[in-house]
Amino acid sequence: MNHISNIAKKLGLDENEIVQVGNYKAKIPFKYIKEKPGNGKLIVVTGITPTKAGEGKTTTAIGLTQGLNKLGKLAITSLREPSLGPVFGIKGGGTGGGKSKVIPEDEINIHFTGDAHAIGSAHNLLSALVDNAVQRNQIDNMTADGITWNRVTDVLDRGLRNIVTGLGGSNNAPLRETSFDIVTASEIMAIMALSKDLDDLRNRLERIVVGNDNSGKPIYVKDFNIVGSLLSVLRHALMPNIVQTTEGNPALIHTGPFGNIAHGCSSVIGDTFATQVGDYVLSEAGFGADLGFEKFMHIKSRTSDLKPQGAVIVGTIRAIKSHGGVKFSDLQKQNSNAIELGIENLKHHINNINKFGIKPVVALNIFPDDSQNEIKLVKNLLGDTKAFSVVESDSYSKGGEGNIELAESVMEATKENITNKYIYDLNDSIQEKVLKLAKNIYNADGVNWSPVAKRKIKKFEENGWGNLPICMAKTPLSISHNPRLKALPKNYTFEISDIRASVGAGFIYPIAGSIMTMPGLPGAPRELDIDKDGNILGDLTA
């Protein structure tokens, strides 16, 4: 690895202008980040609907960055920070693989620069301060029953999904039912990802709704006079983090909101800086294009000055066959019928990206057991879509060299400046916005709202929150709300079971079907160990 000061120099920063965190990580002070984005081309990296087979979206984003740098361009990868929960549970690490990784991967995946811990600490500090103020009757007409702010932890713990706090008498009060969410689902995490600077962070924190008084009036953080305390915990965590790729190219890794609950994108402040110093910025959006890319456009881009000029959608032969009904154990076998069925998923995502004014480049991530016949078939089937091109990519085995053609295609696709489009207008009602998403993005015929969701919508709009964008909380495993519906679901009704408001973050998030803000550990959680020198032993990439 290169010393981080050498990586910073590529970004125009000398060693005295960064906050070094050891030899291989650093933070960028606010004074070196201008308010507006620069001239660098912002490209969103998204993907097909995720499958058990793995699509290699992060690996491709890093490999493409390395390919662009090999062509003489300053390209910067912009990724979310991995969370301890998925690392030990459902997903694995978030640092890529093979010859296309961000490093040091062990430190990035576990603790990194402490940002997630700062966010969890600020969130739980707010919980404690609110409980204390209510217990001491410091907020007029508010009791413990009106508190809606949960606590968070950075590990998957199903035992904390529903709990009672304040047991043991009046000294431990207030007594109330509550729950824990994972840190990546914290509204403060989403706020950090969307904040442009410290002033914006302050304003967003003040707008957080922590509960309601006895008349149903929302109670905000600004009502408690505690924002300064939260900022004191978060001030360093808002600085973007610099690391490097396996080929010594700059990478920014900052904030980590969950993609199926929050908006699943890295920070606005990180992308803004990257466009000021780089030629191309490859900013990854979580999960498939129905979640990450859509939310990038409607939430991250629309509420900031970041306007993507291109998109790369990652797909694999294995994922396409998986959506065509092939079992995981049989994915290495050739199956043209499954490809013809499963390709509908990728086609739908391509056409959806086009609705935002962008013609995406399809990166066909190649695996060793892919057959040339199936690769050719996929390219032929994608010929009638609105993709700019379909290009083979081999980031895992070849790094930047495996992405020269992809890099050239991305450069060609982003030559002309474009104007972004959107699916809904912010002045549409909440129900109208969701209906437009359901029909245009999720391919549903309509929306079925639960009675509780309808009641909440009425209250949200009365509170003046009706013009906020939508951040759909749904399964990442299907375009629909039902994880069992693969490929391109048709002739169905999109189900909304509940709806919540993240007013500080600046979005409304309906809950589609059954989605949990505290996942549980699998039957065999990831096992790690250390050697006598303290180095981590075990696979962090799978």
Protein backbone atom coordinates (compact mmCIF):
# COMPACT_ATOMS: atom_id res chain seq x y z
CA MET A 1 0.00 0.00 0.00
CA ASN A 2 1.01 3.57 -0.62
CA HIS A 3 1.22 5.89 2.35
CA ILE A 4 -2.04 7.85 2.52
CA SER A 5 -0.17 11.14 2.03
CA ASN A 6 0.79 9.95 -1.48
CA ILE A 7 -2.85 9.18 -2.29
CA ALA A 8 -3.93 12.57 -0.96
CA LYS A 9 -1.46 14.29 -3.31
CA LYS A 10 -3.41 12.86 -6.26
CA LEU A 11 -6.42 14.74 -4.88
CA GLY A 12 -4.47 18.00 -4.62
CA LEU A 13 -3.91 17.77 -0.86
CA ASP A 14 -0.52 17.66 0.84
CA GLU A 15 0.15 15.77 4.06
CA ASN A 16 -0.50 18.88 6.17
CA GLU A 17 -3.95 19.32 4.66
CA ILE A 18 -5.40 15.96 5.71
CA VAL A 19 -6.19 14.38 9.06
CA GLN A 20 -4.24 11.14 8.99
CA VAL A 21 -5.70 8.09 10.73
CA GLY A 22 -2.69 5.80 10.77
CA ASN A 23 -0.63 5.25 7.62
CA TYR A 24 -3.36 4.27 5.17
CA LYS A 25 -6.47 6.29 6.02
CA ALA A 26 -7.21 9.98 6.27
CA LYS A 27 -10.02 12.49 6.57
CA ILE A 28 -10.56 15.63 4.48
CA PRO A 29 -11.09 18.83 6.51
CA PHE A 30 -14.11 20.92 5.55
CA LYS A 31 -12.08 23.96 4.51
CA TYR A 32 -10.79 22.11 1.45
CA ILE A 33 -14.29 21.22 0.20
CA LYS A 34 -16.07 23.91 -1.82
CA GLU A 35 -19.83 24.36 -1.59
CA LYS A 36 -20.67 23.44 -5.19
CA PRO A 37 -19.65 20.35 -7.21
CA GLY A 38 -16.85 20.71 -9.73
CA ASN A 39 -16.55 19.66 -13.36
CA GLY A 40 -15.86 15.97 -12.73
CA LYS A 41 -18.34 13.61 -14.39
CA LEU A 42 -20.53 11.96 -11.74
CA ILE A 43 -21.46 8.39 -12.72
CA VAL A 44 -23.79 6.22 -10.65
CA VAL A 45 -22.87 2.53 -10.42
CA THR A 46 -25.95 0.39 -9.89
CA GLY A 47 -26.99 -3.18 -10.63
CA ILE A 48 -29.45 -5.90 -11.48
CA THR A 49 -31.70 -7.07 -8.63
CA PRO A 50 -29.32 -8.83 -6.19
CA THR A 51 -29.14 -12.63 -6.02
CA LYS A 52 -27.35 -15.20 -3.91
CA ALA A 53 -24.90 -15.62 -6.81
CA GLY A 54 -23.42 -12.16 -6.20
CA GLU A 55 -23.10 -9.48 -8.86
CA GLY A 56 -19.77 -7.84 -7.95
CA LYS A 57 -21.09 -4.28 -8.14
CA THR A 58 -18.51 -2.85 -5.73
CA THR A 59 -15.73 -4.83 -7.40
CA THR A 60 -16.81 -3.47 -10.80
CA ALA A 61 -16.99 0.12 -9.54
CA ILE A 62 -13.42 -0.17 -8.24
CA GLY A 63 -12.17 -1.98 -11.37
CA LEU A 64 -13.74 0.64 -13.63
CA THR A 65 -12.08 3.39 -11.60
CA GLN A 66 -8.74 1.65 -12.11
CA GLY A 67 -9.46 1.27 -15.84
CA LEU A 68 -10.17 4.98 -16.24
CA ASN A 69 -6.95 5.83 -14.40
CA LYS A 70 -5.02 3.56 -16.77
CA LEU A 71 -6.39 5.73 -19.59
CA GLY A 72 -4.85 8.79 -17.99
CA LYS A 73 -7.93 10.12 -16.23
CA LEU A 74 -8.20 10.92 -12.54
CA ALA A 75 -11.10 8.69 -11.54
CA ILE A 76 -12.24 8.35 -7.93
CA THR A 77 -14.33 5.58 -6.40
CA SER A 78 -17.00 6.75 -3.94
CA LEU A 79 -18.42 3.99 -1.74
CA ARG A 80 -20.49 3.55 1.40
CA GLU A 81 -18.82 2.48 4.62
CA PRO A 82 -19.39 -1.21 5.45
CA SER A 83 -21.39 -1.98 8.58
CA LEU A 84 -20.43 -4.53 11.22
CA GLY A 85 -23.90 -6.06 10.99
CA PRO A 86 -23.65 -7.27 7.37
CA VAL A 87 -19.94 -8.11 7.77
CA PHE A 88 -20.77 -10.73 10.41
CA GLY A 89 -24.20 -11.56 9.09
CA ILE A 90 -26.10 -11.38 5.85
CA LYS A 91 -23.79 -9.83 3.26
CA GLY A 92 -20.09 -9.90 4.03
CA GLY A 93 -17.56 -7.14 3.53
CA GLY A 94 -17.96 -4.11 1.32
CA THR A 95 -14.48 -3.64 -0.11
CA GLY A 96 -14.63 -5.45 -3.48
CA GLY A 97 -12.55 -8.48 -4.37
CA GLY A 98 -9.63 -9.93 -6.28
CA LYS A 99 -7.55 -7.26 -8.04
CA SER A 100 -10.24 -4.61 -7.52
CA LYS A 101 -10.47 -3.82 -3.84
CA VAL A 102 -10.25 -0.80 -1.57
CA ILE A 103 -7.60 -1.24 1.07
CA PRO A 104 -6.79 -1.75 3.92
CA GLU A 105 -9.85 -3.99 3.68
CA ASP A 106 -9.66 -5.37 7.22
CA GLU A 107 -9.72 -1.88 8.75
CA ILE A 108 -12.37 -0.56 6.34
CA ASN A 109 -14.71 -3.46 7.13
CA ILE A 110 -14.18 -3.36 10.89
CA HIS A 111 -14.27 -0.01 12.75
CA PHE A 112 -12.62 1.99 9.89
CA THR A 113 -12.27 5.58 11.17
CA GLY A 114 -14.98 5.24 13.80
CA ASP A 115 -17.71 7.09 11.87
CA ALA A 116 -20.37 4.44 12.49
CA HIS A 117 -19.58 4.42 16.19
CA ALA A 118 -19.90 8.21 16.33
CA ILE A 119 -23.27 8.04 14.59
CA GLY A 120 -24.51 5.27 16.88
CA SER A 121 -23.29 7.24 19.91
CA ALA A 122 -25.03 10.43 18.76
CA HIS A 123 -28.24 8.53 18.07
CA ASN A 124 -28.26 6.87 21.49
CA LEU A 125 -27.23 10.11 23.21
CA LEU A 126 -30.34 11.65 21.69
CA SER A 127 -32.41 8.72 23.00
CA ALA A 128 -31.07 9.21 26.51
CA LEU A 129 -31.54 12.99 26.45
CA VAL A 130 -35.13 12.68 25.22
CA ASP A 131 -35.98 10.04 27.84
CA ASN A 132 -34.42 12.23 30.54
CA ALA A 133 -36.29 15.36 29.48
CA VAL A 134 -39.64 13.54 29.33
CA GLN A 135 -39.08 11.84 32.68
CA ARG A 136 -38.36 15.24 34.25
CA ASN A 137 -41.41 16.84 32.62
CA GLN A 138 -39.24 19.33 30.74
CA ILE A 139 -41.40 19.12 27.58
CA ASP A 140 -44.91 20.44 28.06
CA ASN A 141 -47.73 17.99 27.46
CA MET A 142 -45.43 15.09 26.50
CA THR A 143 -45.22 11.70 28.19
CA ALA A 144 -43.17 8.58 27.55
CA ASP A 145 -45.98 7.14 25.44
CA GLY A 146 -45.31 9.84 22.87
CA ILE A 147 -41.63 9.00 22.30
CA THR A 148 -41.02 7.38 18.91
CA TRP A 149 -37.21 7.59 18.76
CA ASN A 150 -35.60 4.13 19.01
CA ARG A 151 -32.05 3.17 19.94
CA VAL A 152 -29.47 1.60 17.60
CA THR A 153 -26.62 -0.90 17.57
CA ASP A 154 -24.12 -1.79 14.84
CA VAL A 155 -24.65 -5.56 15.08
CA LEU A 156 -27.54 -7.75 13.99
CA ASP A 157 -29.44 -8.66 17.18
CA ARG A 158 -32.97 -10.01 16.77
CA GLY A 159 -33.37 -9.99 20.57
CA LEU A 160 -33.54 -6.18 20.49
CA ARG A 161 -36.34 -5.85 17.93
CA ASN A 162 -38.98 -5.33 20.64
CA ILE A 163 -37.96 -4.41 24.18
CA VAL A 164 -39.14 -2.65 27.34
CA THR A 165 -36.89 -0.02 28.93
CA GLY A 166 -37.13 1.63 32.35
CA LEU A 167 -37.80 -1.51 34.39
CA GLY A 168 -36.87 -1.46 38.05
CA GLY A 169 -38.73 1.48 39.48
CA SER A 170 -38.91 5.26 39.16
CA ASN A 171 -35.14 5.73 39.23
CA ASN A 172 -34.92 3.89 35.92
CA ALA A 173 -37.92 5.52 34.25
CA PRO A 174 -39.48 6.28 31.89
CA LEU A 175 -41.00 2.85 31.47
CA ARG A 176 -41.90 2.27 27.82
CA GLU A 177 -41.93 -0.19 24.97
CA THR A 178 -39.37 0.53 22.30
CA SER A 179 -36.89 -1.22 20.00
CA PHE A 180 -33.43 -1.13 18.48
CA ASP A 181 -32.58 -0.55 14.81
CA ILE A 182 -29.28 -1.23 13.08
CA VAL A 183 -27.02 1.84 12.89
CA THR A 184 -27.26 1.92 9.09
CA ALA A 185 -31.03 2.42 9.47
CA SER A 186 -30.56 5.38 11.83
CA GLU A 187 -31.99 8.66 10.63
CA ILE A 188 -28.75 10.28 11.77
CA MET A 189 -26.83 8.03 9.35
CA ALA A 190 -29.11 9.19 6.52
CA ILE A 191 -28.69 12.80 7.64
CA MET A 192 -24.90 12.49 7.63
CA ALA A 193 -24.99 11.10 4.09
CA LEU A 194 -27.13 13.98 2.82
CA SER A 195 -25.57 16.92 4.70
CA LYS A 196 -23.57 19.40 2.61
CA ASP A 197 -21.65 20.89 5.55
CA LEU A 198 -21.81 21.41 9.32
CA ASP A 199 -24.52 24.08 9.06
CA ASP A 200 -26.67 21.78 6.95
CA LEU A 201 -26.05 18.98 9.47
CA ARG A 202 -27.19 21.26 12.30
CA ASN A 203 -30.39 22.20 10.48
CA ARG A 204 -31.22 18.59 9.67
CA LEU A 205 -30.60 17.41 13.22
CA GLU A 206 -32.93 20.13 14.52
CA ARG A 207 -35.71 18.83 12.26
CA ILE A 208 -35.61 15.25 13.59
CA VAL A 209 -38.98 14.25 15.05
CA VAL A 210 -38.54 12.26 18.26
CA GLY A 211 -42.21 11.85 19.16
CA ASN A 212 -45.55 13.56 19.69
CA ASP A 213 -47.15 15.40 22.57
CA ASN A 214 -50.46 14.33 24.05
CA SER A 215 -52.38 16.25 21.38
CA GLY A 216 -50.49 14.56 18.53
CA LYS A 217 -48.27 17.57 17.74
CA PRO A 218 -44.79 16.51 16.55
CA ILE A 219 -41.89 17.18 18.91
CA TYR A 220 -38.58 18.07 17.24
CA VAL A 221 -34.98 17.91 18.43
CA LYS A 222 -34.90 21.72 18.33
CA ASP A 223 -37.46 21.67 21.18
CA PHE A 224 -34.82 20.14 23.52
CA ASN A 225 -31.86 22.52 23.02
CA ILE A 226 -29.45 19.59 22.54
CA VAL A 227 -28.28 19.92 18.93
CA GLY A 228 -24.88 21.27 19.94
CA SER A 229 -24.19 18.14 21.98
CA LEU A 230 -25.00 15.92 18.99
CA LEU A 231 -22.76 18.00 16.73
CA SER A 232 -19.87 17.64 19.16
CA VAL A 233 -20.05 13.87 18.69
CA LEU A 234 -20.50 14.00 14.91
CA ARG A 235 -18.15 16.78 13.82
CA HIS A 236 -15.24 14.58 12.70
CA ALA A 237 -17.49 11.86 11.28
CA LEU A 238 -18.80 14.30 8.66
CA MET A 239 -15.30 14.60 7.13
CA PRO A 240 -14.99 12.25 4.10
CA ASN A 241 -12.46 9.41 4.34
CA ILE A 242 -9.64 8.76 1.86
CA VAL A 243 -8.27 5.28 1.17
CA GLN A 244 -6.88 3.62 -1.97
CA THR A 245 -7.63 0.88 -4.48
CA THR A 246 -5.35 -2.10 -5.06
CA GLU A 247 -3.75 -0.16 -7.92
CA GLY A 248 -3.09 2.94 -5.81
CA ASN A 249 -5.99 5.07 -7.05
CA PRO A 250 -7.87 7.39 -4.67
CA ALA A 251 -11.10 6.14 -3.11
CA LEU A 252 -13.54 7.96 -0.84
CA ILE A 253 -15.54 5.86 1.61
CA HIS A 254 -18.03 7.79 3.69
CA THR A 255 -21.35 7.13 5.47
CA GLY A 256 -23.34 3.94 5.09
CA PRO A 257 -27.15 4.27 5.05
CA PHE A 258 -28.92 0.96 4.37
CA GLY A 259 -30.17 0.65 0.79
CA ASN A 260 -33.41 -1.19 1.53
CA ILE A 261 -34.41 1.11 4.41
CA ALA A 262 -32.65 4.44 3.85
CA HIS A 263 -31.32 5.72 0.51
CA GLY A 264 -28.24 3.50 0.25
CA CYS A 265 -25.71 6.01 -1.10
CA SER A 266 -22.38 7.42 0.04
CA SER A 267 -22.18 11.01 1.20
CA VAL A 268 -23.10 14.18 -0.68
CA ILE A 269 -20.06 15.93 0.78
CA GLY A 270 -17.74 13.15 -0.42
CA ASP A 271 -19.11 13.13 -3.98
CA THR A 272 -19.04 16.92 -4.07
CA PHE A 273 -15.33 17.01 -3.21
CA ALA A 274 -14.55 14.22 -5.67
CA THR A 275 -16.14 16.14 -8.56
CA GLN A 276 -14.01 19.16 -7.62
CA VAL A 277 -10.70 17.32 -7.95
CA GLY A 278 -11.37 14.39 -10.30
CA ASP A 279 -12.28 13.82 -13.94
CA TYR A 280 -14.70 10.98 -13.17
CA VAL A 281 -16.44 9.97 -9.95
CA LEU A 282 -17.85 6.43 -9.71
CA SER A 283 -20.46 6.66 -6.96
CA GLU A 284 -22.07 3.36 -6.02
CA ALA A 285 -25.75 3.13 -5.08
CA GLY A 286 -26.99 0.27 -2.90
CA PHE A 287 -28.71 -2.89 -4.17
CA GLY A 288 -30.49 -2.88 -7.55
CA ALA A 289 -31.53 0.11 -9.63
CA ASP A 290 -35.09 -0.04 -8.22
CA LEU A 291 -33.65 0.95 -4.84
CA GLY A 292 -30.18 2.50 -5.03
CA PHE A 293 -30.32 4.30 -8.36
CA GLU A 294 -33.90 5.53 -7.94
CA LYS A 295 -33.11 6.87 -4.47
CA PHE A 296 -29.84 8.40 -5.67
CA MET A 297 -31.81 10.42 -8.21
CA HIS A 298 -34.89 11.36 -6.19
CA ILE A 299 -33.20 11.94 -2.83
CA LYS A 300 -29.43 12.41 -3.05
CA SER A 301 -29.27 14.20 -6.40
CA ARG A 302 -32.54 16.09 -6.28
CA THR A 303 -31.89 17.61 -2.87
CA SER A 304 -28.28 18.57 -3.66
CA ASP A 305 -26.31 20.02 -6.55
CA LEU A 306 -25.04 16.60 -7.66
CA LYS A 307 -26.37 15.80 -11.15
CA PRO A 308 -25.22 12.44 -12.55
CA GLN A 309 -24.08 12.46 -16.17
CA GLY A 310 -23.95 8.71 -16.59
CA ALA A 311 -24.75 5.33 -15.09
CA VAL A 312 -23.21 1.87 -15.15
CA ILE A 313 -25.47 -1.08 -14.40
CA VAL A 314 -23.72 -4.28 -13.38
CA GLY A 315 -25.13 -7.65 -14.35
CA THR A 316 -23.85 -11.21 -14.52
CA ILE A 317 -24.79 -14.34 -16.45
CA ARG A 318 -25.25 -16.06 -13.08
CA ALA A 319 -27.66 -13.43 -11.76
CA ILE A 320 -29.68 -13.45 -14.99
CA LYS A 321 -30.04 -17.24 -14.83
CA SER A 322 -30.94 -16.99 -11.15
CA HIS A 323 -33.81 -14.65 -12.02
CA GLY A 324 -34.75 -17.17 -14.73
CA GLY A 325 -35.42 -19.78 -12.04
CA VAL A 326 -32.10 -21.68 -11.92
CA LYS A 327 -31.00 -23.01 -8.53
CA PHE A 328 -27.76 -21.69 -7.08
CA SER A 329 -26.11 -25.12 -7.38
CA ASP A 330 -26.89 -25.27 -11.12
CA LEU A 331 -25.78 -21.80 -12.19
CA GLN A 332 -22.60 -23.10 -13.82
CA LYS A 333 -24.69 -25.10 -16.31
CA GLN A 334 -25.68 -23.49 -19.61
CA ASN A 335 -29.37 -22.61 -19.78
CA SER A 336 -30.51 -20.31 -22.58
CA ASN A 337 -34.17 -20.53 -21.56
CA ALA A 338 -33.36 -19.21 -18.09
CA ILE A 339 -31.38 -16.35 -19.62
CA GLU A 340 -34.30 -15.36 -21.82
CA LEU A 341 -36.57 -15.29 -18.76
CA GLY A 342 -34.16 -13.63 -16.34
CA ILE A 343 -32.96 -10.97 -18.77
CA GLU A 344 -36.30 -9.19 -18.28
CA ASN A 345 -35.07 -8.03 -14.87
CA LEU A 346 -32.00 -6.36 -16.32
CA LYS A 347 -33.97 -4.90 -19.24
CA HIS A 348 -36.45 -3.32 -16.84
CA HIS A 349 -33.67 -1.67 -14.82
CA ILE A 350 -32.04 -0.35 -18.00
CA ASN A 351 -35.29 1.20 -19.18
CA ASN A 352 -35.95 2.68 -15.73
CA ILE A 353 -32.56 4.41 -15.71
CA ASN A 354 -33.40 5.86 -19.10
CA LYS A 355 -36.52 7.46 -17.59
CA PHE A 356 -34.18 9.69 -15.58
CA GLY A 357 -32.55 10.96 -18.78
CA ILE A 358 -29.51 8.64 -18.68
CA LYS A 359 -28.53 5.90 -21.15
CA PRO A 360 -26.61 3.42 -18.98
CA VAL A 361 -23.60 1.36 -19.92
CA VAL A 362 -24.14 -2.30 -19.03
CA ALA A 363 -21.09 -3.86 -17.36
CA LEU A 364 -21.37 -7.62 -17.86
CA ASN A 365 -19.26 -8.88 -14.96
CA ILE A 366 -17.56 -12.04 -16.20
CA PHE A 367 -17.13 -15.18 -14.09
CA PRO A 368 -14.71 -18.01 -15.02
CA ASP A 369 -17.49 -20.50 -15.81
CA ASP A 370 -19.44 -18.15 -18.12
CA SER A 371 -19.79 -19.57 -21.62
CA GLN A 372 -19.16 -17.49 -24.73
CA ASN A 373 -22.50 -18.66 -26.13
CA GLU A 374 -24.37 -17.27 -23.12
CA ILE A 375 -22.41 -14.01 -23.17
CA LYS A 376 -23.28 -13.59 -26.84
CA LEU A 377 -26.95 -14.40 -26.13
CA VAL A 378 -27.15 -11.75 -23.37
CA LYS A 379 -25.62 -9.12 -25.63
CA ASN A 380 -28.11 -9.96 -28.39
CA LEU A 381 -31.07 -9.85 -26.00
CA LEU A 382 -30.01 -6.42 -24.71
CA GLY A 383 -29.68 -5.03 -28.22
CA ASP A 384 -33.22 -3.60 -28.28
CA THR A 385 -32.93 -1.79 -24.92
CA LYS A 386 -32.03 1.82 -24.21
CA ALA A 387 -28.56 0.90 -22.97
CA PHE A 388 -25.70 2.91 -24.44
CA SER A 389 -23.59 -0.25 -24.76
CA VAL A 390 -23.03 -3.71 -23.27
CA VAL A 391 -19.41 -4.34 -22.32
CA GLU A 392 -17.65 -7.28 -20.69
CA SER A 393 -15.82 -6.47 -17.46
CA ASP A 394 -13.27 -8.56 -15.54
CA SER A 395 -12.43 -6.57 -12.43
CA TYR A 396 -11.79 -9.51 -10.13
CA SER A 397 -9.11 -11.28 -12.18
CA LYS A 398 -7.58 -8.38 -14.12
CA GLY A 399 -8.25 -5.17 -12.19
CA GLY A 400 -7.97 -2.04 -14.32
CA GLU A 401 -6.76 -3.99 -17.36
CA GLY A 402 -10.04 -5.88 -17.34
CA ASN A 403 -11.99 -2.64 -17.68
CA ILE A 404 -10.30 -0.69 -20.47
CA GLU A 405 -13.16 -1.24 -22.92
CA LEU A 406 -15.71 -0.43 -20.21
CA ALA A 407 -13.82 2.75 -19.30
CA GLU A 408 -13.73 3.84 -22.95
CA SER A 409 -17.45 3.21 -23.30
CA VAL A 410 -18.22 5.24 -20.13
CA MET A 411 -16.13 8.12 -21.42
CA GLU A 412 -18.00 8.04 -24.73
CA ALA A 413 -21.41 7.78 -23.03
CA THR A 414 -20.75 10.86 -20.88
CA LYS A 415 -19.31 13.19 -23.52
CA GLU A 416 -22.43 15.35 -23.72
CA ASN A 417 -23.97 17.02 -20.68
CA ILE A 418 -27.50 15.89 -19.93
CA THR A 419 -30.44 17.17 -17.92
CA ASN A 420 -31.77 14.76 -15.33
CA LYS A 421 -35.46 13.84 -15.25
CA TYR A 422 -37.60 12.53 -12.42
CA ILE A 423 -40.53 10.13 -12.03
CA TYR A 424 -42.65 12.31 -9.76
CA ASP A 425 -43.03 15.95 -8.83
CA LEU A 426 -42.26 16.91 -5.24
CA ASN A 427 -45.61 18.70 -5.05
CA ASP A 428 -47.47 15.47 -5.79
CA SER A 429 -49.26 14.00 -2.80
CA ILE A 430 -47.53 11.17 -0.92
CA GLN A 431 -49.94 8.62 -2.41
CA GLU A 432 -49.40 9.98 -5.92
CA LYS A 433 -45.62 9.73 -5.58
CA VAL A 434 -45.78 6.14 -4.38
CA LEU A 435 -48.23 5.20 -7.15
CA LYS A 436 -45.89 6.63 -9.80
CA LEU A 437 -42.98 4.68 -8.33
CA ALA A 438 -45.06 1.50 -8.15
CA LYS A 439 -46.10 1.71 -11.79
CA ASN A 440 -42.90 3.07 -13.31
CA ILE A 441 -40.18 1.47 -11.20
CA TYR A 442 -41.75 -1.63 -9.61
CA ASN A 443 -43.95 -2.58 -12.61
CA ALA A 444 -47.05 -2.88 -10.40
CA ASP A 445 -50.64 -2.24 -11.46
CA GLY A 446 -51.45 -0.22 -8.35
CA VAL A 447 -50.90 0.26 -4.62
CA ASN A 448 -52.77 -1.19 -1.66
CA TRP A 449 -52.45 0.95 1.47
CA SER A 450 -53.00 -0.43 4.96
CA PRO A 451 -55.44 1.58 7.11
CA VAL A 452 -52.65 2.60 9.51
CA ALA A 453 -50.55 3.92 6.61
CA LYS A 454 -53.48 5.97 5.30
CA ARG A 455 -54.04 7.54 8.72
CA LYS A 456 -50.36 8.45 9.02
CA ILE A 457 -50.28 10.00 5.54
CA LYS A 458 -53.09 12.35 6.51
CA LYS A 459 -51.15 13.37 9.62
CA PHE A 460 -47.88 13.82 7.71
CA GLU A 461 -49.48 16.09 5.16
CA GLU A 462 -51.18 18.11 7.92
CA ASN A 463 -47.71 18.57 9.47
CA GLY A 464 -46.41 20.01 6.20
CA TRP A 465 -44.28 17.02 5.21
CA GLY A 466 -46.17 16.13 2.04
CA ASN A 467 -43.60 17.62 -0.35
CA LEU A 468 -40.74 15.38 0.84
CA PRO A 469 -39.36 12.73 -1.54
CA ILE A 470 -40.14 9.05 -1.08
CA CYS A 471 -37.58 6.57 0.28
CA MET A 472 -39.15 3.15 -0.19
CA ALA A 473 -38.29 0.52 2.41
CA LYS A 474 -38.66 -2.80 0.63
CA THR A 475 -36.91 -6.07 -0.10
CA PRO A 476 -33.81 -5.77 -2.29
CA LEU A 477 -34.38 -9.30 -3.63
CA SER A 478 -37.20 -8.40 -6.03
CA ILE A 479 -38.38 -5.43 -8.06
CA SER A 480 -41.65 -5.92 -6.15
CA HIS A 481 -42.35 -5.93 -2.40
CA ASN A 482 -42.29 -9.75 -2.39
CA PRO A 483 -38.79 -11.33 -2.32
CA ARG A 484 -40.10 -14.50 -3.99
CA LEU A 485 -41.09 -12.68 -7.20
CA LYS A 486 -38.04 -12.86 -9.47
CA ALA A 487 -37.21 -11.54 -12.95
CA LEU A 488 -39.89 -8.94 -13.82
CA PRO A 489 -43.03 -9.24 -11.65
CA LYS A 490 -46.25 -8.35 -13.51
CA ASN A 491 -49.98 -8.02 -12.83
CA TYR A 492 -49.69 -7.46 -9.09
CA THR A 493 -50.53 -4.84 -6.47
CA PHE A 494 -47.75 -3.16 -4.51
CA GLU A 495 -48.45 -3.52 -0.77
CA ILE A 496 -47.73 -0.73 1.74
CA SER A 497 -48.02 -1.96 5.33
CA ASP A 498 -46.83 1.16 7.17
CA ILE A 499 -45.22 4.55 6.59
CA ARG A 500 -42.79 6.66 8.59
CA ALA A 501 -41.26 10.12 8.33
CA SER A 502 -37.56 10.97 8.54
CA VAL A 503 -38.06 14.72 8.56
CA GLY A 504 -34.47 15.53 9.49
CA ALA A 505 -33.10 13.41 6.65
CA GLY A 506 -35.78 14.91 4.44
CA PHE A 507 -37.83 11.96 3.19
CA ILE A 508 -40.92 9.87 3.81
CA TYR A 509 -40.36 6.13 3.90
CA PRO A 510 -43.25 3.79 3.23
CA ILE A 511 -42.72 0.19 4.31
CA ALA A 512 -43.58 -2.25 1.54
CA GLY A 513 -44.61 -5.73 2.62
CA SER A 514 -42.58 -7.00 5.56
CA ILE A 515 -39.22 -5.29 6.07
CA MET A 516 -37.16 -5.19 9.26
CA THR A 517 -34.98 -2.34 10.50
CA MET A 518 -33.11 -4.86 12.69
CA PRO A 519 -32.08 -7.96 10.70
CA GLY A 520 -30.99 -11.12 12.52
CA LEU A 521 -27.81 -13.14 12.30
CA PRO A 522 -27.78 -16.22 10.02
CA GLY A 523 -27.34 -19.78 11.28
CA ALA A 524 -23.59 -19.60 10.68
CA PRO A 525 -22.31 -16.06 11.32
CA ARG A 526 -18.91 -15.14 9.84
CA GLU A 527 -15.97 -16.40 11.89
CA LEU A 528 -12.80 -14.33 12.19
CA ASP A 529 -9.66 -14.62 14.27
CA ILE A 530 -6.33 -12.86 14.68
CA ASP A 531 -2.72 -13.99 14.59
CA LYS A 532 -0.06 -13.20 17.21
CA ASP A 533 0.60 -9.81 15.59
CA GLY A 534 -3.06 -8.81 15.66
CA ASN A 535 -3.72 -9.34 11.94
CA ILE A 536 -7.22 -10.53 11.06
CA LEU A 537 -7.52 -14.11 9.82
CA GLY A 538 -10.57 -15.06 7.75
CA ASP A 539 -12.35 -14.05 4.55
CA LEU A 540 -13.90 -10.58 4.68
CA THR A 541 -14.91 -10.42 1.01
CA ALA A 542 -17.36 -13.30 0.59
